[in-house]
Structures are given as structure tokens and as C-alpha cells.
N, C-alpha and C. Protein backbone atom coordinates (compact mmCIF):
# COMPACT_ATOMS: atom_id res chain seq x y z
N MET A 1 1.27 -28.11 4.36
CA MET A 1 0.84 -28.95 5.52
C MET A 1 -0.49 -29.48 5.11
N MET A 2 -0.80 -30.87 5.63
CA MET A 2 -1.91 -31.53 5.24
C MET A 2 -2.86 -31.17 6.38
N THR A 3 -3.90 -30.32 6.07
CA THR A 3 -4.74 -30.13 6.97
C THR A 3 -6.15 -30.05 6.18
N MET A 4 -7.32 -30.47 7.03
CA MET A 4 -8.52 -30.74 6.46
C MET A 4 -9.56 -29.85 7.32
N ALA A 5 -10.73 -29.59 6.92
CA ALA A 5 -11.68 -28.93 7.58
C ALA A 5 -12.40 -29.68 8.76
N LEU A 6 -12.73 -28.99 9.88
CA LEU A 6 -13.02 -29.61 11.08
C LEU A 6 -14.47 -30.39 10.77
N THR A 7 -15.21 -30.16 9.74
CA THR A 7 -16.40 -30.76 9.57
C THR A 7 -16.36 -32.13 9.03
N GLU A 8 -15.11 -32.62 8.64
CA GLU A 8 -14.95 -33.93 8.12
C GLU A 8 -14.62 -35.01 9.22
N PRO A 9 -15.37 -36.15 9.40
CA PRO A 9 -15.18 -37.07 10.42
C PRO A 9 -13.84 -37.70 10.17
N PRO A 10 -13.14 -38.34 11.24
CA PRO A 10 -11.92 -39.11 11.00
C PRO A 10 -12.20 -40.15 10.16
N ARG A 11 -11.21 -40.61 9.15
CA ARG A 11 -11.47 -41.76 8.42
C ARG A 11 -10.52 -42.93 8.84
N GLU A 12 -10.89 -43.96 8.34
CA GLU A 12 -10.08 -45.16 8.73
C GLU A 12 -8.53 -45.14 8.16
N ALA A 13 -7.63 -45.47 9.13
CA ALA A 13 -6.21 -45.42 8.78
C ALA A 13 -6.02 -46.36 7.60
N GLU A 14 -5.17 -46.17 6.60
CA GLU A 14 -4.76 -46.96 5.57
C GLU A 14 -3.62 -48.00 5.90
N SER A 15 -2.99 -47.68 7.04
CA SER A 15 -1.92 -48.72 7.40
C SER A 15 -1.94 -48.66 8.95
N SER A 16 -0.97 -49.57 9.49
CA SER A 16 -0.89 -49.66 11.06
C SER A 16 0.12 -48.63 11.41
N LEU A 17 0.64 -47.81 10.63
CA LEU A 17 1.60 -46.81 10.99
C LEU A 17 1.11 -45.37 10.65
N ALA A 18 1.05 -44.50 11.56
CA ALA A 18 0.58 -43.09 11.45
C ALA A 18 1.66 -42.19 11.70
N LEU A 19 2.19 -41.51 10.69
CA LEU A 19 3.19 -40.43 10.91
C LEU A 19 2.60 -39.07 10.79
N PHE A 20 2.88 -38.18 11.81
CA PHE A 20 2.48 -36.90 11.70
C PHE A 20 3.68 -35.94 11.83
N ALA A 21 3.60 -34.82 11.18
CA ALA A 21 4.71 -33.89 11.18
C ALA A 21 4.12 -32.36 11.31
N LEU A 22 4.83 -31.72 12.17
CA LEU A 22 4.23 -30.29 12.46
C LEU A 22 5.23 -29.19 12.09
N GLY A 23 4.80 -28.09 11.65
CA GLY A 23 5.62 -26.88 11.46
C GLY A 23 6.89 -27.13 10.56
N ALA A 24 8.07 -26.73 11.20
CA ALA A 24 9.35 -26.81 10.48
C ALA A 24 9.78 -28.19 10.22
N SER A 25 9.13 -29.14 10.85
CA SER A 25 9.58 -30.63 10.75
C SER A 25 8.89 -31.38 9.66
N ILE A 26 8.02 -30.66 8.82
CA ILE A 26 7.24 -31.37 7.80
C ILE A 26 8.25 -31.98 6.78
N SER A 27 9.27 -31.36 6.42
CA SER A 27 10.21 -31.73 5.47
C SER A 27 10.93 -33.08 5.97
N ALA A 28 11.29 -32.99 7.20
CA ALA A 28 12.02 -34.26 7.85
C ALA A 28 10.98 -35.34 7.89
N GLY A 29 9.76 -35.09 8.34
CA GLY A 29 8.73 -36.08 8.32
C GLY A 29 8.42 -36.70 7.10
N GLU A 30 8.43 -35.90 5.95
CA GLU A 30 8.15 -36.35 4.55
C GLU A 30 9.34 -37.33 4.20
N ASP A 31 10.59 -36.97 4.62
CA ASP A 31 11.75 -37.89 4.24
C ASP A 31 11.63 -39.21 4.88
N VAL A 32 11.26 -39.19 6.24
CA VAL A 32 11.18 -40.37 6.97
C VAL A 32 10.12 -41.18 6.49
N ALA A 33 8.97 -40.57 6.17
CA ALA A 33 7.77 -41.38 5.49
C ALA A 33 8.26 -42.02 4.19
N GLN A 34 8.95 -41.22 3.38
CA GLN A 34 9.47 -41.83 1.98
C GLN A 34 10.34 -43.05 2.34
N LEU A 35 11.28 -42.89 3.26
CA LEU A 35 12.12 -44.04 3.57
C LEU A 35 11.31 -45.24 4.12
N LEU A 36 10.12 -44.94 4.77
CA LEU A 36 9.45 -46.14 5.32
C LEU A 36 8.48 -46.62 4.26
N GLY A 37 8.40 -46.02 3.10
CA GLY A 37 7.17 -46.24 2.17
C GLY A 37 5.82 -45.93 2.52
N ALA A 38 5.74 -44.91 3.34
CA ALA A 38 4.55 -44.46 3.86
C ALA A 38 4.31 -42.98 3.51
N GLU A 39 3.18 -42.50 3.94
CA GLU A 39 2.81 -41.06 3.77
C GLU A 39 2.59 -40.40 5.15
N LEU A 40 2.66 -39.23 5.15
CA LEU A 40 2.26 -38.46 6.50
C LEU A 40 0.78 -38.54 6.56
N ALA A 41 0.31 -38.73 7.74
CA ALA A 41 -1.14 -38.86 7.98
C ALA A 41 -1.73 -37.51 8.01
N PRO A 42 -2.92 -37.33 7.57
CA PRO A 42 -3.51 -35.91 7.47
C PRO A 42 -3.89 -35.40 8.92
N LEU A 43 -3.73 -34.25 9.12
CA LEU A 43 -4.06 -33.69 10.41
C LEU A 43 -4.55 -32.29 10.34
N GLU A 44 -5.14 -31.89 11.44
CA GLU A 44 -5.48 -30.38 11.59
C GLU A 44 -4.76 -29.93 12.67
N ASP A 45 -4.06 -28.79 12.51
CA ASP A 45 -3.31 -28.21 13.55
C ASP A 45 -3.52 -26.73 13.77
N ARG A 46 -3.37 -26.19 14.92
CA ARG A 46 -3.75 -24.72 15.19
C ARG A 46 -2.86 -24.32 16.22
N LYS A 47 -2.16 -23.26 16.06
CA LYS A 47 -1.27 -22.68 16.98
C LYS A 47 -1.96 -21.46 17.66
N PHE A 48 -1.88 -21.50 18.94
CA PHE A 48 -2.43 -20.54 19.77
C PHE A 48 -1.63 -19.36 20.18
N GLU A 49 -2.01 -18.12 20.46
CA GLU A 49 -1.10 -16.98 20.64
C GLU A 49 -0.23 -17.18 21.72
N ASP A 50 -0.46 -18.06 22.71
CA ASP A 50 0.51 -18.28 23.82
C ASP A 50 1.60 -19.32 23.44
N GLY A 51 1.49 -19.87 22.12
CA GLY A 51 2.48 -20.89 21.75
C GLY A 51 1.99 -22.38 21.85
N GLU A 52 0.78 -22.48 22.39
CA GLU A 52 0.20 -23.97 22.51
C GLU A 52 -0.18 -24.29 21.06
N TYR A 53 -0.18 -25.77 20.96
CA TYR A 53 -0.79 -26.24 19.68
C TYR A 53 -1.84 -27.19 19.95
N LYS A 54 -2.85 -27.15 19.04
CA LYS A 54 -4.03 -28.04 19.03
C LYS A 54 -3.75 -29.09 17.83
N ILE A 55 -3.69 -30.28 18.03
CA ILE A 55 -3.54 -31.15 16.98
C ILE A 55 -4.66 -32.27 16.96
N ARG A 56 -5.14 -32.48 15.77
CA ARG A 56 -6.34 -33.40 15.60
C ARG A 56 -6.06 -34.19 14.41
N PRO A 57 -5.79 -35.68 14.69
CA PRO A 57 -5.65 -36.38 13.62
C PRO A 57 -6.86 -36.59 12.76
N LEU A 58 -6.78 -36.63 11.44
CA LEU A 58 -7.94 -36.76 10.67
C LEU A 58 -8.28 -38.19 10.14
N GLU A 59 -7.58 -39.07 10.69
CA GLU A 59 -7.80 -40.48 10.46
C GLU A 59 -7.69 -41.17 11.78
N MET A 60 -8.47 -42.20 12.00
CA MET A 60 -8.46 -43.00 13.30
C MET A 60 -7.10 -43.70 13.31
N CYS A 61 -6.52 -43.50 14.49
CA CYS A 61 -5.14 -44.12 14.74
C CYS A 61 -5.09 -44.94 16.02
N ALA A 62 -6.31 -45.38 16.59
CA ALA A 62 -6.32 -46.01 17.84
C ALA A 62 -5.41 -47.28 17.71
N ALA A 63 -5.48 -47.96 16.70
CA ALA A 63 -4.74 -49.25 16.68
C ALA A 63 -3.35 -49.13 15.87
N ALA A 64 -2.99 -47.92 15.71
CA ALA A 64 -1.87 -47.82 14.89
C ALA A 64 -0.57 -47.37 15.68
N THR A 65 0.56 -47.62 15.17
CA THR A 65 1.80 -47.14 15.94
C THR A 65 1.86 -45.69 15.46
N VAL A 66 1.90 -44.74 16.28
CA VAL A 66 1.87 -43.30 16.03
C VAL A 66 3.20 -42.66 16.45
N THR A 67 3.76 -41.87 15.29
CA THR A 67 5.00 -41.13 15.56
C THR A 67 4.63 -39.71 15.05
N SER A 68 5.19 -38.65 15.89
CA SER A 68 5.14 -37.38 15.49
C SER A 68 6.34 -36.67 15.36
N PHE A 69 6.61 -35.68 14.46
CA PHE A 69 7.64 -34.96 14.33
C PHE A 69 7.35 -33.53 14.49
N SER A 70 7.99 -32.89 15.48
CA SER A 70 7.71 -31.34 15.74
C SER A 70 8.94 -30.66 15.94
N PRO A 71 8.97 -29.30 15.70
CA PRO A 71 10.24 -28.64 15.77
C PRO A 71 10.64 -28.39 17.28
């Protein structure tokens, strides 16, 4: 999984498409990204004991088309 430390500020997106994949869907996300000629965007994720997730993109995606893959 592509995760980075919390101390790094978000970076500028390299394209107008941001693809994120979580958990068991990383492989499917990588396949889709490859078909689109893109890469999965870096993110930080954390699963809490009650099953909730915290997801934090590590690149700015305010002007991007964002798609996420999750189990």
C-alpha cells in the first residue's frame, strides 16, 4: 500500500485524475490505473478498531477527478 508519514504536506497532483485504492482492492486499482496509463495516488489510511477508516490523500486533488476503490 502506498502510504507516507503524516509529517509530509500534500504535494501537487501530477495529473487531473486521482485514483485511490484501499485494502483488498489495491490490486484491482492498480489494474485500472495501468489500463488508464495512470498510477494510484499516494494516501495515508488507518483502520480503527470499530471498522471505520481514516483516509488522507497525500497529494492535492481539489481540481482532479477522484475515484476510489475499496473492498
